[in-house]
Amino acid sequence: PCIIDNNATAAALAEERQGVGVGERVVLYVGLGRGIGGALLVNGKIYHGTTGTAGEIGHMVVKENGPKCSCGGFGHLEAIASAQAVVRTMIGLAVEYPETMQAIYRITDGRAERITAEQVFRLAAEGDTIASHLVDDVLKYLGNALANIVLLINPSMIILGGALAQAGELLINPLHARIQELCLPATSQSLRVVQGSLGSDANLIGAVTLALQDL
């Protein structure tokens, strides 16, 4: 027997069964890595949609005439707020700003190409102007997208995974605040936004869980 699903779904299942989402009834998982993937679990069951493509939130159009996405579209959330997009945009902008480039060299030990999304958030927290503008954009468009999803499905928890989630409270606190600002109180007052607890193992644990539950 062969069981196929995507990594966001696997990670979501892992976090709900063995991670930070244990005991939650409606969970939205958002993987912020090379791309952006999502998964919805209701009462422990994965919602796959009609053709099995539910959760492709990375391809929500959030900015008209925005940057090109890997799928060929423009202005998709993935092209703005994925970990890969954050790093790519930061390096592209910093080339024209010597102070920012020096800050990148400092934080990466002289290897600018190795900067991570977490480090971009750290530079923003330290007051770097370019990093701050970039982080503000990420929080704006990711917050807008998640607020719309919260209004639609009313989850009790949003779990953030992937490389961008490593920014921790620098990402979670302002993101949660923006969701609260945009949503009706009844839909978001009990909502928790948290970082996944299983890290890079979430995909593997979820894959095993998917296989075991069908035996």
N, C-alpha and C. Protein backbone atom coordinates (compact mmCIF):
# COMPACT_ATOMS: atom_id res chain seq x y z
N PRO A 1 0.83 -1.21 0.00
CA PRO A 1 0.00 0.00 0.00
C PRO A 1 0.86 1.26 0.00
N CYS A 2 0.39 2.27 -0.67
CA CYS A 2 1.12 3.54 -0.76
C CYS A 2 0.19 4.67 -0.35
N ILE A 3 0.68 5.53 0.55
CA ILE A 3 -0.10 6.67 1.02
C ILE A 3 0.64 7.94 0.64
N ILE A 4 -0.05 8.84 -0.05
CA ILE A 4 0.57 10.07 -0.53
C ILE A 4 -0.17 11.29 0.03
N ASP A 5 0.57 12.22 0.58
CA ASP A 5 0.00 13.50 1.00
C ASP A 5 1.12 14.53 0.95
N ASN A 6 0.79 15.80 1.18
CA ASN A 6 1.85 16.81 1.11
C ASN A 6 2.46 17.06 2.49
N ASN A 7 3.58 17.76 2.50
CA ASN A 7 4.33 17.93 3.75
C ASN A 7 3.58 18.78 4.77
N ALA A 8 2.83 19.77 4.33
CA ALA A 8 2.09 20.60 5.28
C ALA A 8 1.03 19.78 6.00
N THR A 9 0.36 18.91 5.28
CA THR A 9 -0.65 18.05 5.89
C THR A 9 -0.01 17.11 6.90
N ALA A 10 1.13 16.54 6.52
CA ALA A 10 1.83 15.63 7.43
C ALA A 10 2.26 16.36 8.70
N ALA A 11 2.83 17.56 8.54
CA ALA A 11 3.29 18.33 9.70
C ALA A 11 2.12 18.73 10.58
N ALA A 12 1.01 19.09 9.97
CA ALA A 12 -0.17 19.47 10.74
C ALA A 12 -0.66 18.31 11.59
N LEU A 13 -0.72 17.14 11.00
CA LEU A 13 -1.17 15.95 11.71
C LEU A 13 -0.24 15.63 12.88
N ALA A 14 1.07 15.75 12.64
CA ALA A 14 2.04 15.49 13.69
C ALA A 14 1.87 16.44 14.86
N GLU A 15 1.71 17.73 14.57
CA GLU A 15 1.57 18.72 15.64
C GLU A 15 0.26 18.53 16.41
N GLU A 16 -0.78 18.08 15.72
CA GLU A 16 -2.06 17.88 16.37
C GLU A 16 -2.07 16.62 17.23
N ARG A 17 -1.33 15.61 16.81
CA ARG A 17 -1.31 14.34 17.54
C ARG A 17 -0.24 14.29 18.63
N GLN A 18 0.93 14.89 18.35
CA GLN A 18 2.04 14.74 19.29
C GLN A 18 2.74 16.05 19.65
N GLY A 19 2.28 17.15 19.10
CA GLY A 19 2.97 18.41 19.31
C GLY A 19 2.14 19.44 20.06
N VAL A 20 2.27 20.68 19.64
CA VAL A 20 1.66 21.79 20.36
C VAL A 20 0.14 21.84 20.20
N GLY A 21 -0.41 21.10 19.22
CA GLY A 21 -1.84 21.17 18.96
C GLY A 21 -2.66 20.07 19.60
N VAL A 22 -2.07 19.29 20.49
CA VAL A 22 -2.80 18.19 21.14
C VAL A 22 -4.02 18.75 21.90
N GLY A 23 -5.19 18.15 21.64
CA GLY A 23 -6.40 18.55 22.34
C GLY A 23 -7.18 19.67 21.68
N GLU A 24 -6.64 20.26 20.61
CA GLU A 24 -7.35 21.34 19.91
C GLU A 24 -8.35 20.76 18.92
N ARG A 25 -9.52 21.40 18.82
CA ARG A 25 -10.58 20.86 17.96
C ARG A 25 -10.47 21.32 16.51
N VAL A 26 -10.10 22.60 16.30
CA VAL A 26 -9.96 23.14 14.94
C VAL A 26 -8.59 23.80 14.84
N VAL A 27 -7.72 23.21 14.04
CA VAL A 27 -6.33 23.66 13.95
C VAL A 27 -5.99 24.02 12.51
N LEU A 28 -5.38 25.19 12.33
CA LEU A 28 -4.84 25.57 11.04
C LEU A 28 -3.32 25.53 11.15
N TYR A 29 -2.68 24.74 10.31
CA TYR A 29 -1.22 24.69 10.27
C TYR A 29 -0.75 25.48 9.05
N VAL A 30 0.29 26.29 9.26
CA VAL A 30 0.86 27.08 8.16
C VAL A 30 2.36 26.83 8.12
N GLY A 31 2.82 26.23 7.04
CA GLY A 31 4.24 25.97 6.87
C GLY A 31 4.89 27.09 6.07
N LEU A 32 5.82 27.80 6.71
CA LEU A 32 6.47 28.97 6.10
C LEU A 32 7.92 28.62 5.79
N GLY A 33 8.12 27.89 4.72
CA GLY A 33 9.46 27.45 4.35
C GLY A 33 9.84 27.94 2.97
N ARG A 34 10.30 27.02 2.14
CA ARG A 34 10.64 27.39 0.76
C ARG A 34 9.42 27.96 0.05
N GLY A 35 8.28 27.40 0.37
CA GLY A 35 7.00 27.93 -0.10
C GLY A 35 6.12 28.15 1.12
N ILE A 36 4.82 28.25 0.89
CA ILE A 36 3.87 28.34 2.00
C ILE A 36 2.77 27.31 1.75
N GLY A 37 2.61 26.42 2.71
CA GLY A 37 1.56 25.41 2.62
C GLY A 37 0.68 25.48 3.85
N GLY A 38 -0.54 25.04 3.72
CA GLY A 38 -1.46 25.06 4.86
C GLY A 38 -2.21 23.75 4.96
N ALA A 39 -2.75 23.50 6.14
CA ALA A 39 -3.57 22.31 6.35
C ALA A 39 -4.56 22.60 7.46
N LEU A 40 -5.76 22.07 7.31
CA LEU A 40 -6.82 22.26 8.29
C LEU A 40 -7.20 20.91 8.88
N LEU A 41 -7.21 20.85 10.21
CA LEU A 41 -7.67 19.66 10.91
C LEU A 41 -8.88 20.00 11.77
N VAL A 42 -9.94 19.23 11.62
CA VAL A 42 -11.16 19.43 12.40
C VAL A 42 -11.48 18.13 13.12
N ASN A 43 -11.52 18.21 14.44
CA ASN A 43 -11.76 17.02 15.26
C ASN A 43 -10.80 15.88 14.91
N GLY A 44 -9.54 16.24 14.68
CA GLY A 44 -8.51 15.25 14.40
C GLY A 44 -8.48 14.73 12.98
N LYS A 45 -9.37 15.22 12.14
CA LYS A 45 -9.44 14.76 10.76
C LYS A 45 -8.92 15.83 9.81
N ILE A 46 -8.13 15.42 8.83
CA ILE A 46 -7.60 16.34 7.83
C ILE A 46 -8.69 16.68 6.83
N TYR A 47 -8.85 17.96 6.53
CA TYR A 47 -9.78 18.37 5.48
C TYR A 47 -9.01 18.50 4.17
N HIS A 48 -9.32 17.63 3.22
CA HIS A 48 -8.59 17.60 1.96
C HIS A 48 -9.28 18.38 0.84
N GLY A 49 -10.56 18.66 0.97
CA GLY A 49 -11.28 19.32 -0.11
C GLY A 49 -11.73 18.35 -1.18
N THR A 50 -12.38 18.87 -2.21
CA THR A 50 -12.97 18.03 -3.25
C THR A 50 -11.94 17.25 -4.05
N THR A 51 -10.85 17.91 -4.42
CA THR A 51 -9.83 17.24 -5.25
C THR A 51 -8.51 17.05 -4.51
N GLY A 52 -8.54 17.18 -3.18
CA GLY A 52 -7.34 16.94 -2.39
C GLY A 52 -6.36 18.09 -2.34
N THR A 53 -6.80 19.28 -2.73
CA THR A 53 -5.87 20.42 -2.79
C THR A 53 -6.18 21.49 -1.74
N ALA A 54 -7.01 21.20 -0.77
CA ALA A 54 -7.30 22.18 0.27
C ALA A 54 -6.01 22.56 1.01
N GLY A 55 -5.90 23.81 1.38
CA GLY A 55 -4.74 24.26 2.15
C GLY A 55 -3.67 24.96 1.35
N GLU A 56 -3.86 25.15 0.04
CA GLU A 56 -2.84 25.81 -0.77
C GLU A 56 -2.90 27.33 -0.58
N ILE A 57 -2.74 27.76 0.65
CA ILE A 57 -2.90 29.18 0.96
C ILE A 57 -1.74 30.03 0.43
N GLY A 58 -0.63 29.40 0.10
CA GLY A 58 0.49 30.14 -0.44
C GLY A 58 0.17 30.79 -1.77
N HIS A 59 -0.87 30.32 -2.43
CA HIS A 59 -1.22 30.86 -3.74
C HIS A 59 -2.44 31.76 -3.68
N MET A 60 -2.77 32.22 -2.48
CA MET A 60 -3.77 33.29 -2.35
C MET A 60 -3.17 34.58 -2.91
N VAL A 61 -3.95 35.31 -3.70
CA VAL A 61 -3.48 36.59 -4.22
C VAL A 61 -3.68 37.65 -3.13
N VAL A 62 -2.57 38.21 -2.66
CA VAL A 62 -2.65 39.19 -1.57
C VAL A 62 -2.16 40.57 -1.99
N LYS A 63 -1.48 40.65 -3.14
CA LYS A 63 -0.96 41.94 -3.60
C LYS A 63 -1.06 42.02 -5.11
N GLU A 64 -1.96 42.84 -5.59
CA GLU A 64 -2.14 42.97 -7.04
C GLU A 64 -0.85 43.47 -7.68
N ASN A 65 -0.46 42.81 -8.78
CA ASN A 65 0.78 43.14 -9.49
C ASN A 65 2.02 42.98 -8.61
N GLY A 66 1.93 42.06 -7.66
CA GLY A 66 3.05 41.80 -6.76
C GLY A 66 4.10 40.92 -7.40
N PRO A 67 5.10 40.47 -6.62
CA PRO A 67 6.19 39.67 -7.17
C PRO A 67 5.72 38.34 -7.75
N LYS A 68 6.52 37.82 -8.67
CA LYS A 68 6.16 36.58 -9.35
C LYS A 68 6.35 35.39 -8.43
N CYS A 69 5.38 34.50 -8.45
CA CYS A 69 5.41 33.29 -7.63
C CYS A 69 6.03 32.14 -8.43
N SER A 70 6.46 31.11 -7.72
CA SER A 70 7.05 29.94 -8.39
C SER A 70 6.07 29.25 -9.33
N CYS A 71 4.77 29.45 -9.10
CA CYS A 71 3.75 28.82 -9.95
C CYS A 71 3.52 29.61 -11.24
N GLY A 72 4.09 30.81 -11.31
CA GLY A 72 3.90 31.65 -12.50
C GLY A 72 2.95 32.80 -12.29
N GLY A 73 2.19 32.76 -11.18
CA GLY A 73 1.27 33.85 -10.89
C GLY A 73 2.00 35.03 -10.24
N PHE A 74 1.26 36.09 -9.99
CA PHE A 74 1.85 37.29 -9.40
C PHE A 74 1.09 37.71 -8.15
N GLY A 75 1.83 38.20 -7.16
CA GLY A 75 1.21 38.72 -5.96
C GLY A 75 0.72 37.67 -4.99
N HIS A 76 1.19 36.43 -5.13
CA HIS A 76 0.76 35.38 -4.23
C HIS A 76 1.46 35.51 -2.88
N LEU A 77 0.82 35.02 -1.85
CA LEU A 77 1.38 35.09 -0.49
C LEU A 77 2.76 34.45 -0.42
N GLU A 78 2.94 33.34 -1.10
CA GLU A 78 4.21 32.61 -1.08
C GLU A 78 5.36 33.45 -1.62
N ALA A 79 5.08 34.33 -2.57
CA ALA A 79 6.12 35.15 -3.19
C ALA A 79 6.52 36.32 -2.30
N ILE A 80 5.79 36.52 -1.20
CA ILE A 80 6.06 37.64 -0.31
C ILE A 80 6.50 37.17 1.08
N ALA A 81 5.85 36.14 1.59
CA ALA A 81 6.01 35.80 3.01
C ALA A 81 6.63 34.44 3.29
N SER A 82 7.04 33.70 2.27
CA SER A 82 7.75 32.44 2.55
C SER A 82 9.15 32.78 3.02
N ALA A 83 9.80 31.84 3.69
CA ALA A 83 11.17 32.06 4.16
C ALA A 83 12.09 32.35 2.98
N GLN A 84 11.90 31.64 1.89
CA GLN A 84 12.74 31.84 0.71
C GLN A 84 12.54 33.23 0.13
N ALA A 85 11.29 33.70 0.09
CA ALA A 85 11.01 35.03 -0.46
C ALA A 85 11.61 36.11 0.42
N VAL A 86 11.56 35.94 1.73
CA VAL A 86 12.13 36.92 2.65
C VAL A 86 13.63 37.05 2.44
N VAL A 87 14.31 35.92 2.34
CA VAL A 87 15.77 35.93 2.15
C VAL A 87 16.13 36.54 0.80
N ARG A 88 15.43 36.10 -0.24
CA ARG A 88 15.73 36.60 -1.59
C ARG A 88 15.50 38.11 -1.69
N THR A 89 14.41 38.58 -1.13
CA THR A 89 14.10 40.00 -1.18
C THR A 89 15.11 40.81 -0.37
N MET A 90 15.49 40.29 0.79
CA MET A 90 16.44 41.00 1.64
C MET A 90 17.79 41.17 0.95
N ILE A 91 18.29 40.11 0.35
CA ILE A 91 19.58 40.19 -0.34
C ILE A 91 19.50 41.14 -1.52
N GLY A 92 18.40 41.09 -2.26
CA GLY A 92 18.23 41.96 -3.42
C GLY A 92 18.18 43.42 -3.04
N LEU A 93 17.53 43.74 -1.93
CA LEU A 93 17.43 45.14 -1.50
C LEU A 93 18.73 45.64 -0.89
N ALA A 94 19.40 44.78 -0.14
CA ALA A 94 20.59 45.20 0.62
C ALA A 94 21.75 45.62 -0.27
N VAL A 95 21.79 45.12 -1.50
CA VAL A 95 22.88 45.45 -2.41
C VAL A 95 23.03 46.96 -2.58
N GLU A 96 21.94 47.68 -2.51
CA GLU A 96 21.97 49.13 -2.72
C GLU A 96 22.09 49.93 -1.42
N TYR A 97 22.21 49.22 -0.30
CA TYR A 97 22.29 49.90 1.00
C TYR A 97 23.48 49.35 1.79
N PRO A 98 24.63 50.04 1.72
CA PRO A 98 25.87 49.56 2.35
C PRO A 98 25.74 49.23 3.84
N GLU A 99 24.99 50.05 4.58
CA GLU A 99 24.86 49.80 6.01
C GLU A 99 24.14 48.49 6.27
N THR A 100 23.10 48.24 5.49
CA THR A 100 22.35 46.99 5.64
C THR A 100 23.21 45.80 5.22
N MET A 101 23.99 45.96 4.15
CA MET A 101 24.85 44.87 3.72
C MET A 101 25.90 44.56 4.78
N GLN A 102 26.43 45.59 5.42
CA GLN A 102 27.39 45.37 6.50
C GLN A 102 26.75 44.63 7.67
N ALA A 103 25.50 44.97 7.96
CA ALA A 103 24.78 44.28 9.03
C ALA A 103 24.58 42.80 8.69
N ILE A 104 24.30 42.53 7.41
CA ILE A 104 24.15 41.14 6.98
C ILE A 104 25.46 40.39 7.11
N TYR A 105 26.56 41.01 6.69
CA TYR A 105 27.87 40.37 6.82
C TYR A 105 28.17 40.07 8.30
N ARG A 106 27.80 41.01 9.16
CA ARG A 106 28.06 40.81 10.58
C ARG A 106 27.30 39.62 11.15
N ILE A 107 26.03 39.52 10.79
CA ILE A 107 25.18 38.50 11.38
C ILE A 107 25.40 37.13 10.74
N THR A 108 26.05 37.10 9.56
CA THR A 108 26.28 35.82 8.86
C THR A 108 27.76 35.45 8.81
N ASP A 109 28.59 36.17 9.57
CA ASP A 109 30.04 35.92 9.55
C ASP A 109 30.62 36.06 8.15
N GLY A 110 30.14 37.05 7.43
CA GLY A 110 30.69 37.35 6.11
C GLY A 110 30.12 36.54 4.97
N ARG A 111 29.11 35.70 5.24
CA ARG A 111 28.50 34.86 4.20
C ARG A 111 27.07 35.33 3.97
N ALA A 112 26.92 36.43 3.25
CA ALA A 112 25.60 37.05 3.07
C ALA A 112 24.59 36.09 2.46
N GLU A 113 25.06 35.21 1.58
CA GLU A 113 24.14 34.28 0.91
C GLU A 113 23.53 33.27 1.87
N ARG A 114 24.08 33.18 3.07
CA ARG A 114 23.57 32.22 4.05
C ARG A 114 22.59 32.84 5.05
N ILE A 115 22.21 34.08 4.84
CA ILE A 115 21.28 34.71 5.77
C ILE A 115 19.96 33.94 5.80
N THR A 116 19.36 33.87 6.96
CA THR A 116 18.09 33.17 7.13
C THR A 116 16.96 34.16 7.37
N ALA A 117 15.75 33.70 7.20
CA ALA A 117 14.59 34.56 7.46
C ALA A 117 14.57 34.99 8.92
N GLU A 118 14.95 34.10 9.82
CA GLU A 118 15.02 34.45 11.24
C GLU A 118 15.99 35.61 11.47
N GLN A 119 17.12 35.59 10.77
CA GLN A 119 18.10 36.66 10.93
C GLN A 119 17.59 37.98 10.37
N VAL A 120 16.79 37.93 9.32
CA VAL A 120 16.18 39.15 8.79
C VAL A 120 15.28 39.78 9.85
N PHE A 121 14.49 38.96 10.53
CA PHE A 121 13.63 39.47 11.59
C PHE A 121 14.46 40.03 12.74
N ARG A 122 15.59 39.41 13.02
CA ARG A 122 16.45 39.89 14.09
C ARG A 122 17.04 41.26 13.73
N LEU A 123 17.45 41.42 12.46
CA LEU A 123 17.97 42.72 12.01
C LEU A 123 16.89 43.80 12.11
N ALA A 124 15.66 43.44 11.79
CA ALA A 124 14.56 44.39 11.90
C ALA A 124 14.37 44.81 13.36
N ALA A 125 14.46 43.84 14.26
CA ALA A 125 14.30 44.14 15.69
C ALA A 125 15.42 45.03 16.20
N GLU A 126 16.59 44.95 15.55
CA GLU A 126 17.73 45.78 15.93
C GLU A 126 17.64 47.18 15.34
N GLY A 127 16.66 47.39 14.45
CA GLY A 127 16.45 48.72 13.91
C GLY A 127 16.91 48.96 12.49
N ASP A 128 17.37 47.91 11.79
CA ASP A 128 17.77 48.10 10.41
C ASP A 128 16.55 48.51 9.57
N THR A 129 16.68 49.61 8.85
CA THR A 129 15.54 50.18 8.12
C THR A 129 15.03 49.26 7.02
N ILE A 130 15.93 48.69 6.23
CA ILE A 130 15.52 47.84 5.11
C ILE A 130 14.85 46.57 5.63
N ALA A 131 15.46 45.95 6.62
CA ALA A 131 14.86 44.75 7.21
C ALA A 131 13.50 45.06 7.82
N SER A 132 13.37 46.22 8.45
CA SER A 132 12.11 46.60 9.09
C SER A 132 11.00 46.77 8.06
N HIS A 133 11.31 47.42 6.93
CA HIS A 133 10.30 47.58 5.87
C HIS A 133 9.88 46.21 5.32
N LEU A 134 10.84 45.33 5.15
CA LEU A 134 10.55 44.00 4.62
C LEU A 134 9.68 43.21 5.59
N VAL A 135 10.05 43.23 6.86
CA VAL A 135 9.27 42.51 7.88
C VAL A 135 7.86 43.08 7.99
N ASP A 136 7.73 44.39 7.90
CA ASP A 136 6.40 45.01 7.95
C ASP A 136 5.51 44.49 6.81
N ASP A 137 6.09 44.34 5.62
CA ASP A 137 5.34 43.80 4.49
C ASP A 137 4.91 42.36 4.74
N VAL A 138 5.82 41.57 5.26
CA VAL A 138 5.51 40.17 5.56
C VAL A 138 4.35 40.08 6.55
N LEU A 139 4.45 40.85 7.62
CA LEU A 139 3.40 40.83 8.65
C LEU A 139 2.08 41.34 8.10
N LYS A 140 2.14 42.34 7.24
CA LYS A 140 0.92 42.90 6.66
C LYS A 140 0.19 41.87 5.81
N TYR A 141 0.89 41.29 4.84
CA TYR A 141 0.22 40.41 3.90
C TYR A 141 -0.08 39.03 4.49
N LEU A 142 0.81 38.53 5.33
CA LEU A 142 0.53 37.26 6.00
C LEU A 142 -0.61 37.44 6.99
N GLY A 143 -0.60 38.55 7.71
CA GLY A 143 -1.67 38.83 8.66
C GLY A 143 -3.01 38.98 7.98
N ASN A 144 -3.04 39.68 6.85
CA ASN A 144 -4.29 39.84 6.10
C ASN A 144 -4.85 38.49 5.67
N ALA A 145 -3.96 37.64 5.13
CA ALA A 145 -4.39 36.32 4.64
C ALA A 145 -4.93 35.47 5.79
N LEU A 146 -4.20 35.44 6.89
CA LEU A 146 -4.63 34.61 8.02
C LEU A 146 -5.91 35.14 8.66
N ALA A 147 -6.06 36.45 8.70
CA ALA A 147 -7.29 37.03 9.25
C ALA A 147 -8.50 36.59 8.43
N ASN A 148 -8.36 36.57 7.11
CA ASN A 148 -9.47 36.13 6.26
C ASN A 148 -9.79 34.66 6.50
N ILE A 149 -8.75 33.85 6.68
CA ILE A 149 -8.97 32.43 6.95
C ILE A 149 -9.64 32.24 8.30
N VAL A 150 -9.20 33.01 9.29
CA VAL A 150 -9.81 32.92 10.63
C VAL A 150 -11.29 33.26 10.57
N LEU A 151 -11.64 34.29 9.81
CA LEU A 151 -13.05 34.66 9.67
C LEU A 151 -13.86 33.55 9.01
N LEU A 152 -13.22 32.78 8.15
CA LEU A 152 -13.91 31.71 7.43
C LEU A 152 -14.06 30.44 8.25
N ILE A 153 -12.99 30.02 8.95
CA ILE A 153 -13.03 28.70 9.60
C ILE A 153 -13.02 28.76 11.12
N ASN A 154 -12.74 29.92 11.72
CA ASN A 154 -12.80 30.09 13.18
C ASN A 154 -12.01 29.02 13.93
N PRO A 155 -10.69 28.93 13.68
CA PRO A 155 -9.88 27.92 14.38
C PRO A 155 -9.60 28.34 15.82
N SER A 156 -9.24 27.37 16.64
CA SER A 156 -8.82 27.70 18.00
C SER A 156 -7.32 27.95 18.06
N MET A 157 -6.59 27.44 17.07
CA MET A 157 -5.14 27.59 17.07
C MET A 157 -4.60 27.66 15.65
N ILE A 158 -3.62 28.54 15.45
CA ILE A 158 -2.82 28.56 14.23
C ILE A 158 -1.41 28.16 14.62
N ILE A 159 -0.92 27.10 14.00
CA ILE A 159 0.43 26.61 14.27
C ILE A 159 1.33 27.02 13.11
N LEU A 160 2.41 27.71 13.42
CA LEU A 160 3.36 28.14 12.40
C LEU A 160 4.57 27.22 12.41
N GLY A 161 4.91 26.70 11.24
CA GLY A 161 6.08 25.85 11.09
C GLY A 161 6.96 26.35 9.97
N GLY A 162 8.06 25.65 9.73
CA GLY A 162 8.98 26.05 8.67
C GLY A 162 10.02 27.04 9.16
N ALA A 163 10.93 27.39 8.26
CA ALA A 163 12.08 28.22 8.63
C ALA A 163 11.70 29.59 9.16
N LEU A 164 10.67 30.21 8.60
CA LEU A 164 10.28 31.54 9.05
C LEU A 164 9.76 31.52 10.48
N ALA A 165 9.15 30.41 10.88
CA ALA A 165 8.62 30.29 12.23
C ALA A 165 9.72 30.33 13.28
N GLN A 166 10.97 30.10 12.85
CA GLN A 166 12.09 30.15 13.79
C GLN A 166 12.31 31.56 14.33
N ALA A 167 11.68 32.55 13.72
CA ALA A 167 11.74 33.92 14.24
C ALA A 167 11.00 34.04 15.56
N GLY A 168 10.19 33.05 15.89
CA GLY A 168 9.53 32.99 17.19
C GLY A 168 8.64 34.18 17.48
N GLU A 169 8.82 34.78 18.66
CA GLU A 169 7.96 35.87 19.10
C GLU A 169 8.08 37.11 18.22
N LEU A 170 9.22 37.25 17.53
CA LEU A 170 9.37 38.40 16.62
C LEU A 170 8.36 38.32 15.48
N LEU A 171 7.93 37.12 15.15
CA LEU A 171 6.90 36.90 14.14
C LEU A 171 5.53 36.76 14.78
N ILE A 172 5.44 35.94 15.80
CA ILE A 172 4.15 35.55 16.36
C ILE A 172 3.40 36.70 17.01
N ASN A 173 4.08 37.48 17.84
CA ASN A 173 3.37 38.55 18.58
C ASN A 173 2.75 39.60 17.67
N PRO A 174 3.50 40.19 16.72
CA PRO A 174 2.86 41.18 15.84
C PRO A 174 1.85 40.56 14.89
N LEU A 175 2.07 39.31 14.50
CA LEU A 175 1.13 38.63 13.60
C LEU A 175 -0.20 38.40 14.32
N HIS A 176 -0.12 37.94 15.54
CA HIS A 176 -1.33 37.73 16.33
C HIS A 176 -2.07 39.03 16.55
N ALA A 177 -1.32 40.09 16.81
CA ALA A 177 -1.94 41.40 17.03
C ALA A 177 -2.67 41.88 15.77
N ARG A 178 -2.08 41.64 14.61
CA ARG A 178 -2.72 42.08 13.37
C ARG A 178 -4.00 41.27 13.10
N ILE A 179 -3.95 39.98 13.36
CA ILE A 179 -5.15 39.16 13.19
C ILE A 179 -6.27 39.65 14.10
N GLN A 180 -5.92 39.94 15.35
CA GLN A 180 -6.92 40.46 16.30
C GLN A 180 -7.50 41.79 15.83
N GLU A 181 -6.64 42.62 15.24
CA GLU A 181 -7.08 43.92 14.76
C GLU A 181 -8.07 43.80 13.61
N LEU A 182 -7.87 42.82 12.75
CA LEU A 182 -8.67 42.70 11.53
C LEU A 182 -9.93 41.85 11.69
N CYS A 183 -9.96 41.01 12.71
CA CYS A 183 -11.08 40.07 12.85
C CYS A 183 -12.13 40.55 13.84
N LEU A 184 -13.33 40.04 13.67
CA LEU A 184 -14.38 40.27 14.66
C LEU A 184 -13.95 39.61 15.97
N PRO A 185 -14.19 40.25 17.10
CA PRO A 185 -13.76 39.68 18.38
C PRO A 185 -14.26 38.25 18.62
N ALA A 186 -15.48 37.97 18.19
CA ALA A 186 -16.03 36.64 18.43
C ALA A 186 -15.27 35.54 17.69
N THR A 187 -14.61 35.92 16.60
CA THR A 187 -13.90 34.91 15.82
C THR A 187 -12.45 34.72 16.27
N SER A 188 -11.91 35.70 16.97
CA SER A 188 -10.47 35.63 17.26
C SER A 188 -10.10 35.78 18.73
N GLN A 189 -11.06 36.03 19.59
CA GLN A 189 -10.72 36.33 20.98
C GLN A 189 -10.09 35.15 21.71
N SER A 190 -10.42 33.93 21.30
CA SER A 190 -9.82 32.76 21.94
C SER A 190 -8.74 32.11 21.08
N LEU A 191 -8.41 32.75 19.95
CA LEU A 191 -7.42 32.20 19.02
C LEU A 191 -6.01 32.28 19.60
N ARG A 192 -5.25 31.21 19.45
CA ARG A 192 -3.84 31.21 19.82
C ARG A 192 -3.00 31.01 18.57
N VAL A 193 -1.96 31.79 18.45
CA VAL A 193 -0.99 31.64 17.36
C VAL A 193 0.31 31.18 17.99
N VAL A 194 0.79 30.02 17.58
CA VAL A 194 1.94 29.42 18.26
C VAL A 194 2.94 28.87 17.24
N GLN A 195 4.16 28.69 17.70
CA GLN A 195 5.19 28.03 16.89
C GLN A 195 5.09 26.53 17.09
N GLY A 196 5.21 25.77 16.02
CA GLY A 196 5.20 24.31 16.14
C GLY A 196 6.29 23.82 17.07
N SER A 197 6.05 22.73 17.76
CA SER A 197 7.01 22.23 18.75
C SER A 197 7.88 21.10 18.23
N LEU A 198 7.56 20.57 17.05
CA LEU A 198 8.28 19.40 16.54
C LEU A 198 9.40 19.76 15.56
N GLY A 199 9.50 21.02 15.18
CA GLY A 199 10.57 21.45 14.29
C GLY A 199 10.59 20.72 12.97
N SER A 200 11.79 20.43 12.50
CA SER A 200 11.96 19.79 11.20
C SER A 200 11.52 18.33 11.21
N ASP A 201 11.27 17.77 12.40
CA ASP A 201 10.80 16.39 12.48
C ASP A 201 9.31 16.25 12.21
N ALA A 202 8.59 17.37 12.17
CA ALA A 202 7.14 17.31 12.03
C ALA A 202 6.70 16.58 10.76
N ASN A 203 7.37 16.85 9.65
CA ASN A 203 7.00 16.19 8.39
C ASN A 203 7.16 14.68 8.49
N LEU A 204 8.29 14.24 9.08
CA LEU A 204 8.56 12.80 9.18
C LEU A 204 7.59 12.12 10.13
N ILE A 205 7.36 12.75 11.28
CA ILE A 205 6.42 12.18 12.26
C ILE A 205 5.03 12.09 11.65
N GLY A 206 4.65 13.13 10.93
CA GLY A 206 3.34 13.13 10.29
C GLY A 206 3.21 12.07 9.22
N ALA A 207 4.27 11.87 8.45
CA ALA A 207 4.24 10.84 7.40
C ALA A 207 4.05 9.45 8.01
N VAL A 208 4.75 9.19 9.09
CA VAL A 208 4.61 7.90 9.77
C VAL A 208 3.19 7.76 10.34
N THR A 209 2.68 8.86 10.90
CA THR A 209 1.33 8.84 11.45
C THR A 209 0.29 8.55 10.37
N LEU A 210 0.45 9.16 9.21
CA LEU A 210 -0.45 8.90 8.10
C LEU A 210 -0.47 7.44 7.71
N ALA A 211 0.72 6.85 7.68
CA ALA A 211 0.81 5.42 7.32
C ALA A 211 0.18 4.54 8.38
N LEU A 212 0.49 4.81 9.64
CA LEU A 212 0.02 3.96 10.74
C LEU A 212 -1.50 4.00 10.89
N GLN A 213 -2.09 5.18 10.65
CA GLN A 213 -3.53 5.28 10.86
C GLN A 213 -4.34 4.52 9.81
N ASP A 214 -3.70 4.14 8.71
CA ASP A 214 -4.39 3.38 7.66
C ASP A 214 -4.10 1.89 7.70
N LEU A 215 -3.29 1.46 8.66
CA LEU A 215 -2.98 0.03 8.76
C LEU A 215 -4.18 -0.74 9.35
